[in-house]
Amino acid sequence: MSEGSRVNRKRTITFDALDRQLLHELQEDCRIQYRELAKRTGKAIGTISNRIQNLTRRGIIKRWTVQIDPESLGYDFTAILHIKIDVVHINQINKELTKVKELFALYNVTGDNDIVALGRFVNRRHLDQVIHKILAIPHIQRTSTSLVLRTLKEDLRVHVPQHEESKTG
C-alpha cells in the first residue's frame, strides 16, 4: 500500500452564501431564534430550519454549547503539556488521555514530542497531580509543561470564509 493510499480522504464540502451566513451567525450566538435568522438572511423560517438540520446532519455543526469563563470556576492555571510516548501504543495512550477531565484539547503532533495537551487547573498542586496521573499511563515516557502566563487569544470558533469556495471537511 502506498503512502498516499493510507491517507484518510475526507469528502469535499461546498458552502453557499446562506450556509456561510448561518454558520457565522450561529457561532456568534447559538441561541439565536430561527425567526431572527430568517429576518437577517431574508429567507423563510422553514428554509433556515432545513439548512441548519442539513449542516448538523452533515457533521458541520458538531454540537451546541456555551463558553464558560474557567477562572470563574476556580481554574486559575492553564498549562501546555508536551508528551513523549512510545508511538507503537499511540491509540491506547490517546484513549487514556481523553479520559483526563482537566485536559480540554489533545493533539498528535510532529516534532520532538508526540502529543500536545492543553489543560486547566485550580492550582499548582492540582497540575502536579494531573501530571503524575498522566505519567502513570503505560508507555508515556516523559512530559514537559509550560504554564500560560497570560491568554492573548482563545477563540475556538472556526473562520467561515465570506466567499464561495470548497473546503475539505
Protein backbone atom coordinates (compact mmCIF):
# COMPACT_ATOMS: atom_id res chain seq x y z
CA MET A 1 0.00 0.00 0.00
CA SER A 2 1.45 3.35 -0.98
CA GLU A 3 1.78 6.22 1.50
CA GLY A 4 -0.88 8.23 -0.33
CA SER A 5 -3.45 5.44 -0.17
CA ARG A 6 -3.30 5.34 3.64
CA VAL A 7 -4.43 8.93 3.96
CA ASN A 8 -7.96 9.31 5.30
CA ARG A 9 -9.60 11.16 2.45
CA LYS A 10 -12.49 13.37 3.50
CA ARG A 11 -15.37 14.47 1.37
CA THR A 12 -15.38 17.90 -0.24
CA ILE A 13 -17.94 20.16 1.36
CA THR A 14 -19.36 23.08 -0.56
CA PHE A 15 -20.95 26.02 1.24
CA ASP A 16 -23.15 28.58 -0.38
CA ALA A 17 -23.63 32.14 0.87
CA LEU A 18 -26.59 31.17 3.08
CA ASP A 19 -24.69 28.30 4.74
CA ARG A 20 -21.77 30.60 5.45
CA GLN A 21 -24.01 33.31 6.88
CA LEU A 22 -25.86 30.81 9.09
CA LEU A 23 -22.60 29.34 10.39
CA HIS A 24 -21.27 32.81 11.15
CA GLU A 25 -24.46 33.90 12.95
CA LEU A 26 -24.71 30.67 14.95
CA GLN A 27 -21.08 30.92 16.11
CA GLU A 28 -21.79 34.42 17.38
CA ASP A 29 -24.94 33.31 19.24
CA CYS A 30 -26.10 29.70 19.05
CA ARG A 31 -29.31 30.66 20.89
CA ILE A 32 -30.46 32.96 18.10
CA GLN A 33 -34.04 32.19 17.06
CA TYR A 34 -34.80 30.91 13.58
CA ARG A 35 -37.20 33.84 13.14
CA GLU A 36 -34.28 36.27 13.67
CA LEU A 37 -32.06 34.29 11.28
CA ALA A 38 -34.82 34.40 8.67
CA LYS A 39 -35.08 38.16 9.12
CA ARG A 40 -31.30 38.66 8.81
CA THR A 41 -30.98 36.45 5.74
CA GLY A 42 -34.24 37.32 4.00
CA LYS A 43 -35.17 33.62 3.84
CA ALA A 44 -38.18 31.69 5.15
CA ILE A 45 -38.05 30.12 8.62
CA GLY A 46 -38.56 26.67 7.02
CA THR A 47 -35.51 27.25 4.79
CA ILE A 48 -33.43 28.24 7.82
CA SER A 49 -34.59 25.18 9.76
CA ASN A 50 -33.84 22.83 6.84
CA ARG A 51 -30.39 24.34 6.26
CA ILE A 52 -29.41 24.07 9.94
CA GLN A 53 -30.67 20.48 10.08
CA ASN A 54 -28.65 19.71 6.95
CA LEU A 55 -25.50 21.33 8.38
CA THR A 56 -25.97 19.26 11.55
CA ARG A 57 -26.67 16.02 9.69
CA ARG A 58 -23.54 16.53 7.54
CA GLY A 59 -21.44 16.92 10.71
CA ILE A 60 -20.53 20.54 10.02
CA ILE A 61 -22.33 21.68 13.17
CA LYS A 62 -20.94 19.25 15.73
CA ARG A 63 -22.75 20.44 18.86
CA TRP A 64 -24.48 23.35 20.54
CA THR A 65 -22.59 24.67 23.53
CA VAL A 66 -21.86 27.57 25.85
CA GLN A 67 -18.45 29.09 26.54
CA ILE A 68 -17.70 29.36 30.27
CA ASP A 69 -15.03 31.55 31.84
CA PRO A 70 -12.72 28.96 33.50
CA GLU A 71 -11.41 31.41 36.11
CA SER A 72 -14.97 32.00 37.38
CA LEU A 73 -15.00 28.29 38.33
CA GLY A 74 -11.61 28.48 40.05
CA TYR A 75 -9.41 27.23 37.20
CA ASP A 76 -6.61 29.79 37.57
CA PHE A 77 -3.88 27.81 35.77
CA THR A 78 -3.75 26.91 32.10
CA ALA A 79 -0.87 24.69 31.04
CA ILE A 80 0.51 23.26 27.83
CA LEU A 81 1.81 19.72 28.27
CA HIS A 82 4.23 18.27 25.73
CA ILE A 83 4.13 14.49 25.97
CA LYS A 84 6.67 11.98 24.63
CA ILE A 85 5.39 8.44 24.19
CA ASP A 86 6.24 5.04 22.78
CA VAL A 87 4.38 5.66 19.50
CA VAL A 88 3.62 1.98 18.97
CA HIS A 89 0.98 2.47 21.69
CA ILE A 90 -0.40 5.81 20.46
CA ASN A 91 -4.02 4.66 20.10
CA GLN A 92 -4.11 3.26 23.64
CA ILE A 93 -2.47 6.40 25.05
CA ASN A 94 -4.82 8.71 23.10
CA LYS A 95 -7.79 6.81 24.56
CA GLU A 96 -6.45 7.13 28.12
CA LEU A 97 -5.63 10.82 27.78
CA THR A 98 -9.14 11.64 26.53
CA LYS A 99 -10.37 10.45 29.95
CA VAL A 100 -8.37 13.12 31.83
CA LYS A 101 -11.12 15.66 32.51
CA GLU A 102 -8.73 18.58 33.09
CA LEU A 103 -7.42 18.35 29.52
CA PHE A 104 -9.58 20.33 27.11
CA ALA A 105 -7.54 19.77 23.95
CA LEU A 106 -5.29 16.95 22.73
CA TYR A 107 -3.23 16.93 19.56
CA ASN A 108 -0.98 14.29 17.99
CA VAL A 109 1.91 16.35 16.63
CA THR A 110 5.19 16.16 14.77
CA GLY A 111 8.49 17.24 16.28
CA ASP A 112 10.30 16.35 19.48
CA ASN A 113 7.08 15.33 21.26
CA ASP A 114 4.19 13.18 20.15
CA ILE A 115 1.22 14.77 21.90
CA VAL A 116 0.40 18.29 22.98
CA ALA A 117 -2.31 18.70 25.61
CA LEU A 118 -3.95 21.85 26.89
CA GLY A 119 -5.35 21.76 30.39
CA ARG A 120 -6.93 23.90 33.09
CA PHE A 121 -6.08 23.54 36.74
CA VAL A 122 -7.14 25.05 40.06
CA ASN A 123 -3.59 25.45 41.41
CA ARG A 124 -0.05 24.08 41.15
CA ARG A 125 -0.87 21.08 43.35
CA HIS A 126 -3.76 20.16 41.05
CA LEU A 127 -1.47 20.47 38.00
CA ASP A 128 1.13 18.27 39.71
CA GLN A 129 -1.49 15.61 40.49
CA VAL A 130 -2.66 15.52 36.88
CA ILE A 131 0.91 15.30 35.55
CA HIS A 132 1.54 12.32 37.84
CA LYS A 133 -1.71 10.73 36.64
CA ILE A 134 -0.56 11.20 33.03
CA LEU A 135 2.91 9.80 33.75
CA ALA A 136 1.28 6.71 35.27
CA ILE A 137 -0.31 5.86 31.91
CA PRO A 138 1.71 2.99 30.38
CA HIS A 139 4.10 3.90 27.57
CA ILE A 140 4.27 7.62 28.36
CA GLN A 141 7.96 8.38 28.54
CA ARG A 142 8.03 11.99 29.77
CA THR A 143 6.20 15.29 29.90
CA SER A 144 7.32 18.88 29.66
CA THR A 145 4.98 21.57 30.91
CA SER A 146 4.63 25.26 30.09
CA LEU A 147 2.43 27.49 32.22
CA VAL A 148 0.36 30.10 30.43
CA LEU A 149 1.13 33.48 31.96
CA ARG A 150 -1.45 35.47 30.02
CA THR A 151 -4.04 34.42 27.46
CA LEU A 152 -3.85 36.74 24.48
CA LYS A 153 -6.40 34.95 22.33
CA GLU A 154 -8.54 31.90 22.92
CA ASP A 155 -11.28 31.59 20.34
CA LEU A 156 -12.45 28.15 19.29
CA ARG A 157 -14.78 29.48 16.61
CA VAL A 158 -13.88 28.47 13.06
CA HIS A 159 -13.35 31.21 10.50
CA VAL A 160 -16.14 30.97 7.94
CA PRO A 161 -14.92 32.21 4.53
CA GLN A 162 -17.01 35.06 3.13
CA HIS A 163 -16.71 33.93 -0.49
CA GLU A 164 -17.91 30.71 -2.08
CA GLU A 165 -15.26 28.02 -2.02
CA SER A 166 -14.94 24.31 -1.39
CA LYS A 167 -13.26 23.04 1.74
CA THR A 168 -12.12 19.55 2.57
CA GLY A 169 -14.06 18.70 5.72
